[in-house]
PDB file of N, CA and C in Angstrom:
ATOM      1  N   MET A   1     -52.622  49.051-156.185  1.00  0.00           N
ATOM      2  CA  MET A   1     -53.088  49.362-157.581  1.00  0.00           C
ATOM      3  C   MET A   1     -52.893  49.368-158.571  1.00  0.00           C
ATOM      4  N   ALA A   2     -54.304  48.182-159.119  1.00  0.00           N
ATOM      5  CA  ALA A   2     -54.403  47.936-160.073  1.00  0.00           C
ATOM      6  C   ALA A   2     -53.378  48.968-161.472  1.00  0.00           C
ATOM      7  N   VAL A   3     -53.501  48.597-162.627  1.00  0.00           N
ATOM      8  CA  VAL A   3     -53.217  49.052-163.536  1.00  0.00           C
ATOM      9  C   VAL A   3     -53.740  50.687-163.866  1.00  0.00           C
ATOM     10  N   SER A   4     -55.458  49.276-164.258  1.00  0.00           N
ATOM     11  CA  SER A   4     -55.582  50.622-165.165  1.00  0.00           C
ATOM     12  C   SER A   4     -56.383  51.838-163.861  1.00  0.00           C
ATOM     13  N   GLU A   5     -56.145  51.630-162.524  1.00  0.00           N
ATOM     14  CA  GLU A   5     -56.929  52.415-161.564  1.00  0.00           C
ATOM     15  C   GLU A   5     -55.680  54.030-161.764  1.00  0.00           C
ATOM     16  N   THR A   6     -54.721  53.914-162.216  1.00  0.00           N
ATOM     17  CA  THR A   6     -53.364  54.336-162.526  1.00  0.00           C
ATOM     18  C   THR A   6     -53.866  55.315-163.462  1.00  0.00           C
ATOM     19  N   LEU A   7     -54.190  54.599-164.447  1.00  0.00           N
ATOM     20  CA  LEU A   7     -54.581  55.336-166.214  1.00  0.00           C
ATOM     21  C   LEU A   7     -56.097  56.556-165.639  1.00  0.00           C
ATOM     22  N   GLU A   8     -55.565  57.529-166.562  1.00  0.00           N
ATOM     23  CA  GLU A   8     -56.099  58.456-167.325  1.00  0.00           C
ATOM     24  C   GLU A   8     -56.819  59.243-168.237  1.00  0.00           C
ATOM     25  N   ARG A   9     -57.907  58.485-169.415  1.00  0.00           N
ATOM     26  CA  ARG A   9     -58.174  58.227-170.430  1.00  0.00           C
ATOM     27  C   ARG A   9     -59.068  59.323-170.933  1.00  0.00           C
ATOM     28  N   ARG A  10     -59.044  59.602-172.036  1.00  0.00           N
ATOM     29  CA  ARG A  10     -59.707  61.119-173.048  1.00  0.00           C
ATOM     30  C   ARG A  10     -60.458  60.896-173.950  1.00  0.00           C
ATOM     31  N   VAL A  11     -61.357  61.052-174.192  1.00  0.00           N
ATOM     32  CA  VAL A  11     -61.832  61.332-175.009  1.00  0.00           C
ATOM     33  C   VAL A  11     -62.357  62.375-176.778  1.00  0.00           C
ATOM     34  N   LEU A  12     -61.942  61.901-177.739  1.00  0.00           N
ATOM     35  CA  LEU A  12     -61.377  62.432-178.877  1.00  0.00           C
ATOM     36  C   LEU A  12     -62.746  61.717-179.656  1.00  0.00           C
ATOM     37  N   VAL A  13     -62.992  62.728-179.779  1.00  0.00           N
ATOM     38  CA  VAL A  13     -63.547  62.473-181.818  1.00  0.00           C
ATOM     39  C   VAL A  13     -64.011  63.605-183.282  1.00  0.00           C
ATOM     40  N   ASN A  14     -64.179  62.248-184.716  1.00  0.00           N
ATOM     41  CA  ASN A  14     -63.712  62.493-185.493  1.00  0.00           C
ATOM     42  C   ASN A  14     -65.184  63.213-186.022  1.00  0.00           C
ATOM     43  N   PRO A  15     -64.629  64.533-185.951  1.00  0.00           N
ATOM     44  CA  PRO A  15     -65.363  65.329-186.736  1.00  0.00           C
ATOM     45  C   PRO A  15     -65.655  64.789-187.949  1.00  0.00           C
ATOM     46  N   VAL A  16     -65.061  63.976-188.684  1.00  0.00           N
ATOM     47  CA  VAL A  16     -65.500  63.235-190.572  1.00  0.00           C
ATOM     48  C   VAL A  16     -66.541  62.855-190.320  1.00  0.00           C
ATOM     49  N   LEU A  17     -66.432  61.707-188.289  1.00  0.00           N
ATOM     50  CA  LEU A  17     -67.371  60.375-189.247  1.00  0.00           C
ATOM     51  C   LEU A  17     -69.028  60.706-188.614  1.00  0.00           C
ATOM     52  N   CYS A  18     -68.144  61.527-187.253  1.00  0.00           N
ATOM     53  CA  CYS A  18     -69.689  62.052-186.968  1.00  0.00           C
ATOM     54  C   CYS A  18     -70.668  63.331-187.218  1.00  0.00           C
ATOM     55  N   THR A  19     -72.096  62.960-186.907  1.00  0.00           N
ATOM     56  CA  THR A  19     -73.020  63.047-187.852  1.00  0.00           C
ATOM     57  C   THR A  19     -74.630  63.581-186.786  1.00  0.00           C
ATOM     58  N   GLY A  20     -73.676  64.160-185.685  1.00  0.00           N
ATOM     59  CA  GLY A  20     -75.011  64.585-185.141  1.00  0.00           C
ATOM     60  C   GLY A  20     -76.134  64.428-184.247  1.00  0.00           C
ATOM     61  N   PHE A  21     -75.696  62.740-184.107  1.00  0.00           N
ATOM     62  CA  PHE A  21     -77.436  62.382-182.885  1.00  0.00           C
ATOM     63  C   PHE A  21     -76.772  62.409-181.729  1.00  0.00           C
ATOM     64  N   GLY A  22     -76.193  62.544-181.209  1.00  0.00           N
ATOM     65  CA  GLY A  22     -75.642  63.420-179.446  1.00  0.00           C
ATOM     66  C   GLY A  22     -76.174  62.455-178.626  1.00  0.00           C
ATOM     67  N   TYR A  23     -75.959  61.628-179.300  1.00  0.00           N
ATOM     68  CA  TYR A  23     -76.231  60.516-178.074  1.00  0.00           C
ATOM     69  C   TYR A  23     -75.004  60.900-176.803  1.00  0.00           C
ATOM     70  N   CYS A  24     -74.076  60.628-177.217  1.00  0.00           N
ATOM     71  CA  CYS A  24     -72.954  60.948-176.307  1.00  0.00           C
ATOM     72  C   CYS A  24     -73.223  61.393-175.358  1.00  0.00           C
ATOM     73  N   ALA A  25     -73.131  62.544-176.014  1.00  0.00           N
ATOM     74  CA  ALA A  25     -73.799  63.763-174.716  1.00  0.00           C
ATOM     75  C   ALA A  25     -74.986  64.190-173.779  1.00  0.00           C
ATOM     76  N   GLU A  26     -76.055  62.562-174.299  1.00  0.00           N
ATOM     77  CA  GLU A  26     -76.696  62.385-172.991  1.00  0.00           C
ATOM     78  C   GLU A  26     -75.962  61.165-172.697  1.00  0.00           C
ATOM     79  N   ILE A  27     -75.206  60.868-173.050  1.00  0.00           N
ATOM     80  CA  ILE A  27     -74.599  59.526-171.848  1.00  0.00           C
ATOM     81  C   ILE A  27     -73.758  60.041-171.141  1.00  0.00           C
ATOM     82  N   VAL A  28     -72.720  60.670-171.006  1.00  0.00           N
ATOM     83  CA  VAL A  28     -71.353  62.175-170.436  1.00  0.00           C
ATOM     84  C   VAL A  28     -71.723  63.002-170.958  1.00  0.00           C
ATOM     85  N   PRO A  29     -72.918  63.835-170.206  1.00  0.00           N
ATOM     86  CA  PRO A  29     -72.839  65.128-170.346  1.00  0.00           C
ATOM     87  C   PRO A  29     -71.875  65.951-168.794  1.00  0.00           C
ATOM     88  N   GLU A  30     -70.917  65.056-168.028  1.00  0.00           N
ATOM     89  CA  GLU A  30     -69.694  65.359-167.807  1.00  0.00           C
ATOM     90  C   GLU A  30     -68.548  65.750-168.805  1.00  0.00           C
ATOM     91  N   LEU A  31     -68.847  66.076-169.639  1.00  0.00           N
ATOM     92  CA  LEU A  31     -67.166  65.845-170.761  1.00  0.00           C
ATOM     93  C   LEU A  31     -68.274  66.145-171.563  1.00  0.00           C
ATOM     94  N   ILE A  32     -68.789  64.996-172.102  1.00  0.00           N
ATOM     95  CA  ILE A  32     -69.516  66.891-173.785  1.00  0.00           C
ATOM     96  C   ILE A  32     -71.084  67.281-173.362  1.00  0.00           C
ATOM     97  N   THR A  33     -71.119  68.547-174.294  1.00  0.00           N
ATOM     98  CA  THR A  33     -71.003  69.188-174.631  1.00  0.00           C
ATOM     99  C   THR A  33     -71.994  69.164-176.713  1.00  0.00           C
ATOM    100  N   LEU A  34     -73.360  69.718-177.184  1.00  0.00           N
ATOM    101  CA  LEU A  34     -73.553  69.676-177.991  1.00  0.00           C
ATOM    102  C   LEU A  34     -73.059  71.456-178.219  1.00  0.00           C
ATOM    103  N   ASP A  35     -72.690  71.786-179.797  1.00  0.00           N
ATOM    104  CA  ASP A  35     -72.688  72.702-179.761  1.00  0.00           C
ATOM    105  C   ASP A  35     -74.267  73.724-180.735  1.00  0.00           C
ATOM    106  N   ASP A  36     -74.411  74.180-182.011  1.00  0.00           N
ATOM    107  CA  ASP A  36     -75.721  74.972-181.667  1.00  0.00           C
ATOM    108  C   ASP A  36     -76.408  73.914-183.379  1.00  0.00           C
ATOM    109  N   TRP A  37     -75.501  73.236-183.606  1.00  0.00           N
ATOM    110  CA  TRP A  37     -75.945  71.628-184.696  1.00  0.00           C
ATOM    111  C   TRP A  37     -76.485  69.893-184.251  1.00  0.00           C
ATOM    112  N   GLY A  38     -76.001  70.705-183.117  1.00  0.00           N
ATOM    113  CA  GLY A  38     -76.035  69.047-182.867  1.00  0.00           C
ATOM    114  C   GLY A  38     -74.660  67.920-182.751  1.00  0.00           C
ATOM    115  N   PHE A  39     -73.632  69.053-182.277  1.00  0.00           N
ATOM    116  CA  PHE A  39     -72.538  68.082-182.657  1.00  0.00           C
ATOM    117  C   PHE A  39     -71.440  68.696-181.669  1.00  0.00           C
ATOM    118  N   PRO A  40     -70.872  67.331-181.486  1.00  0.00           N
ATOM    119  CA  PRO A  40     -69.956  67.220-180.378  1.00  0.00           C
ATOM    120  C   PRO A  40     -68.918  68.293-179.053  1.00  0.00           C
ATOM    121  N   ILE A  41     -68.938  69.001-178.449  1.00  0.00           N
ATOM    122  CA  ILE A  41     -68.095  69.314-178.108  1.00  0.00           C
ATOM    123  C   ILE A  41     -67.100  69.048-176.597  1.00  0.00           C
ATOM    124  N   VAL A  42     -65.890  67.881-177.066  1.00  0.00           N
ATOM    125  CA  VAL A  42     -65.393  67.401-176.499  1.00  0.00           C
ATOM    126  C   VAL A  42     -64.154  68.133-174.963  1.00  0.00           C
ATOM    127  N   ASN A  43     -65.777  67.991-174.025  1.00  0.00           N
ATOM    128  CA  ASN A  43     -63.824  68.353-172.855  1.00  0.00           C
ATOM    129  C   ASN A  43     -62.394  67.598-172.593  1.00  0.00           C
ATOM    130  N   SER A  44     -61.485  68.254-172.948  1.00  0.00           N
ATOM    131  CA  SER A  44     -60.132  67.078-173.690  1.00  0.00           C
ATOM    132  C   SER A  44     -59.768  67.581-171.742  1.00  0.00           C
ATOM    133  N   ARG A  45     -59.618  67.343-171.106  1.00  0.00           N
ATOM    134  CA  ARG A  45     -59.487  67.032-169.473  1.00  0.00           C
ATOM    135  C   ARG A  45     -58.891  65.886-169.183  1.00  0.00           C
ATOM    136  N   PRO A  46     -57.976  65.381-169.311  1.00  0.00           N
ATOM    137  CA  PRO A  46     -58.633  64.083-168.531  1.00  0.00           C
ATOM    138  C   PRO A  46     -59.278  63.089-167.674  1.00  0.00           C
ATOM    139  N   ILE A  47     -59.855  62.238-167.916  1.00  0.00           N
ATOM    140  CA  ILE A  47     -60.871  62.321-167.030  1.00  0.00           C
ATOM    141  C   ILE A  47     -60.340  61.183-165.926  1.00  0.00           C
ATOM    142  N   LYS A  48     -60.832  61.827-164.452  1.00  0.00           N
ATOM    143  CA  LYS A  48     -59.822  60.216-163.441  1.00  0.00           C
ATOM    144  C   LYS A  48     -61.190  59.802-162.325  1.00  0.00           C
ATOM    145  N   ASP A  49     -61.795  60.453-163.172  1.00  0.00           N
ATOM    146  CA  ASP A  49     -63.453  60.048-162.298  1.00  0.00           C
ATOM    147  C   ASP A  49     -63.543  58.492-162.733  1.00  0.00           C
ATOM    148  N   GLU A  50     -63.370  56.808-162.012  1.00  0.00           N
ATOM    149  CA  GLU A  50     -64.014  55.576-162.745  1.00  0.00           C
ATOM    150  C   GLU A  50     -65.696  56.142-163.246  1.00  0.00           C
ATOM    151  N   ARG A  51     -67.083  56.615-162.577  1.00  0.00           N
ATOM    152  CA  ARG A  51     -67.962  56.127-163.107  1.00  0.00           C
ATOM    153  C   ARG A  51     -68.061  57.095-163.976  1.00  0.00           C
ATOM    154  N   VAL A  52     -66.976  58.453-164.583  1.00  0.00           N
ATOM    155  CA  VAL A  52     -67.487  59.269-165.828  1.00  0.00           C
ATOM    156  C   VAL A  52     -66.790  58.282-166.703  1.00  0.00           C
ATOM    157  N   SER A  53     -65.227  57.863-166.080  1.00  0.00           N
ATOM    158  CA  SER A  53     -64.485  56.672-167.843  1.00  0.00           C
ATOM    159  C   SER A  53     -65.609  55.507-168.169  1.00  0.00           C
ATOM    160  N   ASN A  54     -66.617  54.990-167.043  1.00  0.00           N
ATOM    161  CA  ASN A  54     -67.482  54.654-167.358  1.00  0.00           C
ATOM    162  C   ASN A  54     -68.765  54.310-167.303  1.00  0.00           C
ATOM    163  N   LEU A  55     -68.941  55.738-167.826  1.00  0.00           N
ATOM    164  CA  LEU A  55     -70.189  56.555-169.224  1.00  0.00           C
ATOM    165  C   LEU A  55     -69.628  56.545-170.287  1.00  0.00           C
ATOM    166  N   ALA A  56     -68.484  57.449-170.392  1.00  0.00           N
ATOM    167  CA  ALA A  56     -67.531  57.548-171.341  1.00  0.00           C
ATOM    168  C   ALA A  56     -67.267  56.046-172.407  1.00  0.00           C
ATOM    169  N   HIS A  57     -66.772  55.355-171.504  1.00  0.00           N
ATOM    170  CA  HIS A  57     -66.957  53.651-172.517  1.00  0.00           C
ATOM    171  C   HIS A  57     -68.083  53.903-173.269  1.00  0.00           C
ATOM    172  N   ARG A  58     -69.580  54.043-172.746  1.00  0.00           N
ATOM    173  CA  ARG A  58     -70.847  53.198-172.770  1.00  0.00           C
ATOM    174  C   ARG A  58     -70.922  54.488-174.158  1.00  0.00           C
ATOM    175  N   ALA A  59     -70.290  55.433-173.972  1.00  0.00           N
ATOM    176  CA  ALA A  59     -70.331  56.493-175.815  1.00  0.00           C
ATOM    177  C   ALA A  59     -70.192  56.366-176.069  1.00  0.00           C
ATOM    178  N   VAL A  60     -69.120  55.599-176.021  1.00  0.00           N
ATOM    179  CA  VAL A  60     -67.682  55.491-177.731  1.00  0.00           C
ATOM    180  C   VAL A  60     -68.707  53.740-178.145  1.00  0.00           C
ATOM    181  N   VAL A  61     -68.493  53.166-177.353  1.00  0.00           N
ATOM    182  CA  VAL A  61     -69.602  51.830-178.055  1.00  0.00           C
ATOM    183  C   VAL A  61     -70.893  52.059-178.440  1.00  0.00           C
ATOM    184  N   THR A  62     -71.597  53.432-177.750  1.00  0.00           N
ATOM    185  CA  THR A  62     -72.545  53.382-178.591  1.00  0.00           C
ATOM    186  C   THR A  62     -73.140  54.149-180.313  1.00  0.00           C
ATOM    187  N   CYS A  63     -71.995  54.684-179.773  1.00  0.00           N
ATOM    188  CA  CYS A  63     -71.619  55.850-181.048  1.00  0.00           C
ATOM    189  C   CYS A  63     -72.293  55.595-182.586  1.00  0.00           C
ATOM    190  N   PRO A  64     -73.271  55.909-182.660  1.00  0.00           N
ATOM    191  CA  PRO A  64     -73.966  54.565-184.165  1.00  0.00           C
ATOM    192  C   PRO A  64     -72.836  54.365-185.782  1.00  0.00           C
ATOM    193  N   ARG A  65     -72.341  56.523-185.452  1.00  0.00           N
ATOM    194  CA  ARG A  65     -71.060  56.190-186.472  1.00  0.00           C
ATOM    195  C   ARG A  65     -69.794  55.827-185.740  1.00  0.00           C
ATOM    196  N   LEU A  66     -69.250  55.521-184.710  1.00  0.00           N
ATOM    197  CA  LEU A  66     -68.698  54.576-184.226  1.00  0.00           C
ATOM    198  C   LEU A  66     -67.273  56.694-184.334  1.00  0.00           C
ATOM    199  N   ALA A  67     -67.213  57.647-184.084  1.00  0.00           N
ATOM    200  CA  ALA A  67     -66.888  59.088-184.402  1.00  0.00           C
ATOM    201  C   ALA A  67     -65.926  59.443-182.732  1.00  0.00           C
ATOM    202  N   LEU A  68     -66.309  58.639-182.049  1.00  0.00           N
ATOM    203  CA  LEU A  68     -65.388  59.090-180.831  1.00  0.00           C
ATOM    204  C   LEU A  68     -64.652  57.689-180.481  1.00  0.00           C
ATOM    205  N   LEU A  69     -63.771  57.752-179.518  1.00  0.00           N
ATOM    206  CA  LEU A  69     -62.508  56.943-178.942  1.00  0.00           C
ATOM    207  C   LEU A  69     -61.297  57.329-177.976  1.00  0.00           C
ATOM    208  N   LEU A  70     -61.804  56.825-177.122  1.00  0.00           N
ATOM    209  CA  LEU A  70     -61.315  56.364-175.422  1.00  0.00           C
ATOM    210  C   LEU A  70     -59.884  56.190-175.831  1.00  0.00           C
ATOM    211  N   VAL A  71     -58.322  57.122-175.744  1.00  0.00           N
ATOM    212  CA  VAL A  71     -57.979  56.813-175.597  1.00  0.00           C
ATOM    213  C   VAL A  71     -57.053  57.855-174.275  1.00  0.00           C
ATOM    214  N   GLU A  72     -55.536  56.782-173.630  1.00  0.00           N
ATOM    215  CA  GLU A  72     -55.069  56.503-172.654  1.00  0.00           C
ATOM    216  C   GLU A  72     -54.285  58.688-172.617  1.00  0.00           C
ATOM    217  N   ALA A  73     -55.135  59.170-171.901  1.00  0.00           N
ATOM    218  CA  ALA A  73     -53.840  60.179-171.635  1.00  0.00           C
ATOM    219  C   ALA A  73     -52.405  59.975-171.065  1.00  0.00           C
ATOM    220  N   ASP A  74     -51.953  61.142-171.499  1.00  0.00           N
ATOM    221  CA  ASP A  74     -50.009  60.996-171.540  1.00  0.00           C
ATOM    222  C   ASP A  74     -50.118  62.298-170.389  1.00  0.00           C
ATOM    223  N   PRO A  75     -49.678  61.572-169.018  1.00  0.00           N
ATOM    224  CA  PRO A  75     -49.606  61.972-168.531  1.00  0.00           C
ATOM    225  C   PRO A  75     -48.339  63.413-168.671  1.00  0.00           C
ATOM    226  N   ASN A  76     -47.314  63.960-169.833  1.00  0.00           N
ATOM    227  CA  ASN A  76     -46.333  64.186-169.621  1.00  0.00           C
ATOM    228  C   ASN A  76     -47.399  64.982-170.062  1.00  0.00           C
ATOM    229  N   HIS A  77     -48.151  65.386-171.438  1.00  0.00           N
ATOM    230  CA  HIS A  77     -48.445  66.424-172.059  1.00  0.00           C
ATOM    231  C   HIS A  77     -50.011  67.170-170.781  1.00  0.00           C
ATOM    232  N   SER A  78     -50.164  67.989-171.401  1.00  0.00           N
ATOM    233  CA  SER A  78     -51.722  68.536-170.817  1.00  0.00           C
ATOM    234  C   SER A  78     -52.212  68.915-171.180  1.00  0.00           C
ATOM    235  N   ASP A  79     -52.538  69.097-172.330  1.00  0.00           N
ATOM    236  CA  ASP A  79     -52.968  69.417-173.347  1.00  0.00           C
ATOM    237  C   ASP A  79     -54.222  68.636-174.031  1.00  0.00           C
ATOM    238  N   ARG A  80     -53.132  67.914-175.021  1.00  0.00           N
ATOM    239  CA  ARG A  80     -53.359  67.098-175.833  1.00  0.00           C
ATOM    240  C   ARG A  80     -53.025  65.591-176.236  1.00  0.00           C
ATOM    241  N   PRO A  81     -53.232  64.478-176.388  1.00  0.00           N
ATOM    242  CA  PRO A  81     -53.278  63.059-175.407  1.00  0.00           C
ATOM    243  C   PRO A  81     -52.067  62.734-176.779  1.00  0.00           C
TER     244      PRO A  81
END
């Protein structure tokens, strides 16, 4: 099994940088929804599906404000990276 197959990732959002364009929620609605003002609400669970992980990566690189980050999930912590 390759290393990339064993890693779980999470998406984080920097609320200071985010201006609520909402592209992220369009790209990966499985992980990101928008609040009433158009700002992302990110599912904090580790991403286990490769397709969703690829979409999360696309959302991160597409963000016009660079407000999203894809990080490796720490398997020893259940709720936070």
